[in-house]
Amino acid sequence: MGHMMWIYAVVIFVLSEARSMDTAVRHLDFNQGSEVNLTCSNKTWNEMLFVIWDIQFQTKKECRISFNNGTNDDSCNDGKSLRNTSSALSYLHIPNFSDTDEGRYECESVYTGGNDNHAIHVAIIVPPHISAWLYHKDNKMVAVCKAKRGKPAANISWSHMGNKLSVKNYSVENYSDGFFTVESHLELPEGMDTENLSCVIRHPNWTRERILVLKLEKGYFPWLYVLIVVVIIVILAGFLFLARKKIITLRRCQPSDTSPSKSPPAEDVEEVEPYASYVQRVNSIYNSSADFFT
């Protein structure tokens, strides 16, 4: 047993010394959320003596997954595992690939009659969030196209009626986590037809380019501001009119201010004699006049 361990240690030492000369370096990109399988040898399990995966993540974390004499060792504990194909070929399986899996994967495999060393730089491909809009600046129309937080950086170009337009204002923002935001501003000539203007975005995550027709999603034309002001004025005028009408109604319904200690002045009312008395008096006057003349 001790003799076998000594041979194993010697083999590891020799392979470590020869790694810089014999290591095959590869760069692989995978889409976010995909299932990733990494291989470092075309030998079957029956031919393998051992296989070791040393992983150095971009976050500076390190871990190891290995197989030796039927024993598996896993210090990663994040879902990665050594598996075999139907033809007994060994590979490292990474489920649901994400940006935390990015890094350098070094594989050492020893088999009967030789060894393989591979260094695989693994990166993620994340599609950006895309948008496009129009806005006014200094009495000029400006078109904006944006591809936010993609990896790698997206490519943006402009097209008008099938003709490619040159762009001078083109910015790329690189975040500390390796993501990119690309933004392009295009100042439009006066009178240019915006209905036939489109933004073309390309990214490795897509099999086909994305074409955006510009809409008024951000930024507003001056007439819209005018319309908003007019609506506000109309609403305020209506409110003031209703408030004034309410005040007038309340004033009309309010009782007059009369003191309860003072009674209202009595009006002069002329007494009216009964009709029978009036007729009797008239007849008396008439009879007296008749006697006088007789």
Protein backbone atom coordinates (compact mmCIF):
# COMPACT_ATOMS: atom_id res chain seq x y z
CA MET A 1 0.00 0.00 0.00
CA GLY A 2 2.82 2.40 0.91
CA HIS A 3 4.59 1.54 -2.33
CA MET A 4 1.50 2.49 -4.35
CA MET A 5 1.14 5.81 -2.55
CA TRP A 6 4.78 6.57 -3.29
CA ILE A 7 4.24 5.87 -6.99
CA TYR A 8 1.10 8.07 -6.95
CA ALA A 9 3.03 10.95 -5.39
CA VAL A 10 5.81 10.63 -7.95
CA VAL A 11 3.31 10.70 -10.80
CA ILE A 12 1.65 13.84 -9.42
CA PHE A 13 5.02 15.55 -9.09
CA VAL A 14 6.08 14.69 -12.63
CA LEU A 15 2.75 15.87 -14.06
CA SER A 16 2.92 19.13 -12.11
CA GLU A 17 6.40 19.85 -13.43
CA ALA A 18 5.37 19.13 -17.00
CA ARG A 19 2.03 20.98 -16.90
CA SER A 20 3.33 24.28 -18.28
CA MET A 21 4.70 22.53 -21.38
CA ASP A 22 1.96 19.95 -22.03
CA THR A 23 -1.20 21.78 -20.95
CA ALA A 24 -3.74 22.38 -23.69
CA VAL A 25 -5.47 25.75 -23.18
CA ARG A 26 -9.02 26.31 -24.34
CA HIS A 27 -11.54 29.17 -24.05
CA LEU A 28 -15.20 28.20 -23.93
CA ASP A 29 -18.34 30.34 -23.62
CA PHE A 30 -21.71 29.03 -22.45
CA ASN A 31 -25.16 30.55 -22.28
CA GLN A 32 -26.63 31.41 -18.92
CA GLY A 33 -28.71 28.56 -17.49
CA SER A 34 -27.32 25.91 -19.83
CA GLU A 35 -26.03 22.45 -18.87
CA VAL A 36 -22.23 22.35 -19.33
CA ASN A 37 -20.05 19.27 -19.80
CA LEU A 38 -16.26 19.64 -19.79
CA THR A 39 -13.90 16.90 -20.97
CA CYS A 40 -10.13 16.62 -20.67
CA SER A 41 -9.49 13.15 -22.07
CA ASN A 42 -10.87 10.68 -24.58
CA LYS A 43 -10.01 7.71 -22.38
CA THR A 44 -12.59 5.49 -20.72
CA TRP A 45 -12.93 4.84 -17.01
CA ASN A 46 -11.35 1.43 -17.45
CA GLU A 47 -8.19 3.07 -18.74
CA MET A 48 -8.13 5.86 -16.13
CA LEU A 49 -5.91 5.77 -13.09
CA PHE A 50 -7.22 9.06 -11.70
CA VAL A 51 -8.61 12.41 -12.80
CA ILE A 52 -8.40 15.74 -10.94
CA TRP A 53 -10.27 18.99 -11.63
CA ASP A 54 -8.79 22.06 -9.91
CA ILE A 55 -11.12 25.04 -10.28
CA GLN A 56 -10.18 28.68 -9.76
CA PHE A 57 -13.26 30.90 -9.89
CA GLN A 58 -13.22 34.56 -10.83
CA THR A 59 -14.34 35.27 -7.28
CA LYS A 60 -10.89 33.95 -6.16
CA LYS A 61 -12.52 30.89 -4.60
CA GLU A 62 -10.88 27.53 -5.29
CA CYS A 63 -12.07 23.95 -5.03
CA ARG A 64 -11.28 20.43 -6.30
CA ILE A 65 -13.23 17.49 -7.72
CA SER A 66 -11.34 14.25 -8.26
CA PHE A 67 -11.65 10.50 -8.79
CA ASN A 68 -8.98 8.05 -7.67
CA ASN A 69 -9.21 4.30 -7.31
CA GLY A 70 -12.99 4.35 -7.09
CA THR A 71 -13.07 7.21 -4.58
CA ASN A 72 -14.68 10.57 -5.33
CA ASP A 73 -13.53 13.78 -3.64
CA ASP A 74 -15.56 16.99 -3.90
CA SER A 75 -14.66 20.20 -2.04
CA CYS A 76 -16.85 22.41 -4.27
CA ASN A 77 -20.24 21.18 -3.00
CA ASP A 78 -22.14 23.32 -5.51
CA GLY A 79 -23.73 20.71 -7.78
CA LYS A 80 -20.76 19.95 -10.02
CA SER A 81 -19.99 16.27 -10.48
CA LEU A 82 -17.88 13.77 -12.43
CA ARG A 83 -19.95 11.66 -14.80
CA ASN A 84 -19.57 9.11 -17.59
CA THR A 85 -21.05 9.06 -21.04
CA SER A 86 -22.75 5.97 -22.46
CA SER A 87 -19.35 5.02 -23.89
CA ALA A 88 -17.68 5.38 -20.45
CA LEU A 89 -15.90 8.67 -21.21
CA SER A 90 -15.36 10.89 -18.20
CA TYR A 91 -16.55 14.53 -18.04
CA LEU A 92 -17.26 17.27 -15.49
CA HIS A 93 -20.92 18.27 -15.36
CA ILE A 94 -21.97 21.84 -14.40
CA PRO A 95 -25.76 22.25 -13.96
CA ASN A 96 -27.56 25.55 -14.59
CA PHE A 97 -24.45 27.48 -15.60
CA SER A 98 -24.23 30.98 -14.06
CA ASP A 99 -21.72 33.79 -13.66
CA THR A 100 -20.52 32.26 -10.36
CA ASP A 101 -19.20 29.27 -12.36
CA GLU A 102 -16.86 31.37 -14.46
CA GLY A 103 -13.15 30.76 -14.04
CA ARG A 104 -10.22 28.51 -14.93
CA TYR A 105 -10.80 24.75 -14.89
CA GLU A 106 -7.57 22.72 -14.83
CA CYS A 107 -7.85 19.01 -15.46
CA GLU A 108 -5.21 16.32 -14.95
CA SER A 109 -6.01 12.80 -16.09
CA VAL A 110 -3.63 9.86 -15.89
CA TYR A 111 -4.33 6.67 -17.78
CA THR A 112 -2.43 3.57 -18.74
CA GLY A 113 0.34 4.70 -21.03
CA GLY A 114 0.10 8.48 -20.65
CA ASN A 115 -1.65 11.58 -19.29
CA ASP A 116 -3.63 14.63 -20.43
CA ASN A 117 -3.54 18.17 -19.04
CA HIS A 118 -6.08 20.81 -19.94
CA ALA A 119 -6.73 24.36 -18.80
CA ILE A 120 -10.20 25.55 -19.79
CA HIS A 121 -11.17 29.18 -19.35
CA VAL A 122 -14.94 29.14 -18.95
CA ALA A 123 -17.05 32.28 -19.44
CA ILE A 124 -20.75 32.99 -19.48
CA ILE A 125 -22.85 34.55 -22.22
CA VAL A 126 -25.72 36.72 -20.92
CA PRO A 127 -28.07 38.55 -23.30
CA PRO A 128 -28.56 42.26 -22.56
CA HIS A 129 -31.79 44.10 -21.84
CA ILE A 130 -32.45 46.21 -24.94
CA SER A 131 -34.45 49.40 -25.48
CA ALA A 132 -34.68 52.34 -27.88
CA TRP A 133 -36.36 55.75 -27.77
CA LEU A 134 -36.42 59.31 -29.11
CA TYR A 135 -36.04 62.66 -27.36
CA HIS A 136 -35.50 66.35 -28.13
CA LYS A 137 -32.28 68.15 -27.33
CA ASP A 138 -31.61 71.79 -28.27
CA ASN A 139 -34.39 71.73 -30.89
CA LYS A 140 -32.93 68.59 -32.43
CA MET A 141 -34.19 65.03 -32.48
CA VAL A 142 -31.90 62.40 -30.91
CA ALA A 143 -32.33 58.63 -31.18
CA VAL A 144 -31.01 56.36 -28.42
CA CYS A 145 -30.40 52.61 -28.47
CA LYS A 146 -29.28 50.75 -25.35
CA ALA A 147 -28.13 47.20 -24.54
CA LYS A 148 -27.91 46.94 -20.74
CA ARG A 149 -25.84 44.46 -18.70
CA GLY A 150 -24.90 41.92 -21.32
CA LYS A 151 -21.89 39.64 -21.41
CA PRO A 152 -19.91 40.03 -23.57
CA ALA A 153 -20.69 43.54 -24.83
CA ALA A 154 -23.37 43.83 -27.51
CA ASN A 155 -22.85 45.53 -30.86
CA ILE A 156 -25.19 48.38 -31.89
CA SER A 157 -25.68 49.86 -35.35
CA TRP A 158 -28.28 52.10 -37.05
CA SER A 159 -30.25 51.63 -40.22
CA HIS A 160 -32.54 53.99 -42.15
CA MET A 161 -34.53 52.52 -45.01
CA GLY A 162 -31.95 49.73 -45.29
CA ASN A 163 -28.95 52.07 -45.32
CA LYS A 164 -26.39 51.85 -42.51
CA LEU A 165 -25.74 55.11 -40.64
CA SER A 166 -22.45 56.14 -39.08
CA VAL A 167 -22.49 56.84 -35.34
CA LYS A 168 -20.05 59.04 -33.43
CA ASN A 169 -21.55 58.96 -29.93
CA TYR A 170 -21.01 55.36 -28.77
CA SER A 171 -20.30 54.46 -25.14
CA VAL A 172 -19.45 51.17 -23.40
CA GLU A 173 -19.64 50.81 -19.62
CA ASN A 174 -17.75 47.88 -18.08
CA TYR A 175 -18.92 46.77 -14.63
CA SER A 176 -16.74 45.14 -12.00
CA ASP A 177 -18.63 41.84 -12.39
CA GLY A 178 -17.70 41.62 -16.08
CA PHE A 179 -21.01 42.80 -17.52
CA PHE A 180 -21.33 45.55 -20.13
CA THR A 181 -23.80 48.28 -20.99
CA VAL A 182 -23.60 49.71 -24.50
CA GLU A 183 -25.42 52.91 -25.46
CA SER A 184 -25.54 54.70 -28.80
CA HIS A 185 -26.89 58.21 -29.50
CA LEU A 186 -27.72 59.30 -33.03
CA GLU A 187 -28.51 62.95 -33.81
CA LEU A 188 -31.07 63.01 -36.60
CA PRO A 189 -31.03 65.53 -39.46
CA GLU A 190 -33.96 67.94 -39.57
CA GLY A 191 -36.98 66.46 -41.31
CA MET A 192 -35.72 62.88 -41.15
CA ASP A 193 -38.43 60.21 -41.24
CA THR A 194 -38.18 58.37 -37.90
CA GLU A 195 -40.67 55.66 -38.91
CA ASN A 196 -38.03 54.05 -41.15
CA LEU A 197 -35.25 54.39 -38.57
CA SER A 198 -34.25 51.22 -36.70
CA CYS A 199 -31.64 50.10 -34.19
CA VAL A 200 -29.81 46.82 -34.90
CA ILE A 201 -28.33 44.91 -31.93
CA ARG A 202 -26.13 41.80 -32.16
CA HIS A 203 -25.03 39.51 -29.35
CA PRO A 204 -23.41 36.03 -29.18
CA ASN A 205 -26.36 34.73 -27.16
CA TRP A 206 -28.70 35.27 -30.13
CA THR A 207 -28.76 33.34 -33.36
CA ARG A 208 -30.30 36.34 -35.11
CA GLU A 209 -29.86 40.09 -34.70
CA ARG A 210 -32.54 42.11 -32.89
CA ILE A 211 -34.09 45.08 -34.68
CA LEU A 212 -35.87 47.79 -32.69
CA VAL A 213 -38.18 50.40 -34.18
CA LEU A 214 -37.93 53.57 -32.15
CA LYS A 215 -40.92 54.62 -30.07
CA LEU A 216 -41.64 57.46 -27.70
CA GLU A 217 -40.98 55.41 -24.60
CA LYS A 218 -38.78 58.02 -22.98
CA GLY A 219 -38.54 61.71 -23.54
CA TYR A 220 -41.54 63.79 -24.65
CA PHE A 221 -42.23 66.26 -27.40
CA PRO A 222 -42.92 69.90 -26.41
CA TRP A 223 -46.55 69.68 -27.52
CA LEU A 224 -47.13 67.04 -24.88
CA TYR A 225 -45.93 69.42 -22.20
CA VAL A 226 -48.30 72.07 -23.58
CA LEU A 227 -51.18 69.60 -23.50
CA ILE A 228 -50.42 68.69 -19.89
CA VAL A 229 -50.37 72.39 -18.90
CA VAL A 230 -53.68 73.03 -20.67
CA VAL A 231 -55.32 70.09 -18.92
CA ILE A 232 -54.09 71.33 -15.54
CA ILE A 233 -55.42 74.84 -16.22
CA VAL A 234 -58.83 73.48 -17.23
CA ILE A 235 -59.02 71.36 -14.09
CA LEU A 236 -58.08 74.32 -11.87
CA ALA A 237 -60.59 76.60 -13.61
CA GLY A 238 -63.34 74.04 -13.12
CA PHE A 239 -62.45 73.67 -9.47
CA LEU A 240 -62.50 77.43 -8.89
CA PHE A 241 -65.87 77.74 -10.68
CA LEU A 242 -67.45 75.04 -8.52
CA ALA A 243 -65.96 76.53 -5.36
CA ARG A 244 -67.34 79.99 -6.18
CA LYS A 245 -70.77 78.57 -6.97
CA LYS A 246 -70.80 76.74 -3.66
CA ILE A 247 -69.90 79.91 -1.75
CA ILE A 248 -72.72 81.88 -3.42
CA THR A 249 -75.22 79.14 -2.60
CA LEU A 250 -74.17 79.10 1.04
CA ARG A 251 -74.56 82.89 1.31
CA ARG A 252 -78.10 82.75 -0.08
CA CYS A 253 -79.13 80.03 2.34
CA GLN A 254 -77.69 81.82 5.40
CA PRO A 255 -80.51 83.51 7.62
CA SER A 256 -80.52 87.32 8.14
CA ASP A 257 -78.89 88.68 11.25
CA THR A 258 -81.88 89.85 13.42
CA SER A 259 -81.66 90.34 17.16
CA PRO A 260 -84.16 88.21 19.16
CA SER A 261 -84.67 91.02 21.76
CA LYS A 262 -86.15 93.36 19.19
CA SER A 263 -89.48 92.67 17.61
CA PRO A 264 -89.94 93.65 13.99
CA PRO A 265 -91.61 97.08 13.45
CA ALA A 266 -95.39 96.95 13.18
CA GLU A 267 -96.83 97.96 9.89
CA ASP A 268 -99.72 100.48 9.66
CA VAL A 269 -102.81 98.51 8.72
CA GLU A 270 -105.94 100.38 7.71
CA GLU A 271 -109.05 99.08 9.40
CA VAL A 272 -111.74 97.94 7.03
CA GLU A 273 -115.39 98.35 8.05
CA PRO A 274 -117.84 95.53 7.55
CA TYR A 275 -119.92 95.82 4.40
CA ALA A 276 -123.27 95.99 6.25
CA SER A 277 -122.18 98.97 8.38
CA TYR A 278 -120.87 100.73 5.34
CA VAL A 279 -124.22 100.33 3.52
CA GLN A 280 -126.19 101.53 6.57
CA ARG A 281 -124.16 104.70 6.84
CA VAL A 282 -124.57 105.47 3.20
CA ASN A 283 -128.36 105.04 3.41
CA SER A 284 -128.50 107.37 6.43
CA ILE A 285 -126.64 110.08 4.57
CA TYR A 286 -128.89 109.65 1.58
CA ASN A 287 -132.12 109.97 3.69
CA SER A 288 -130.84 113.08 5.45
CA SER A 289 -130.13 114.71 2.12
CA ALA A 290 -133.63 113.93 0.90
CA ASP A 291 -135.32 115.50 3.95
CA PHE A 292 -133.24 118.64 3.51
CA PHE A 293 -134.45 119.23 0.02
CA THR A 294 -138.08 118.57 0.88
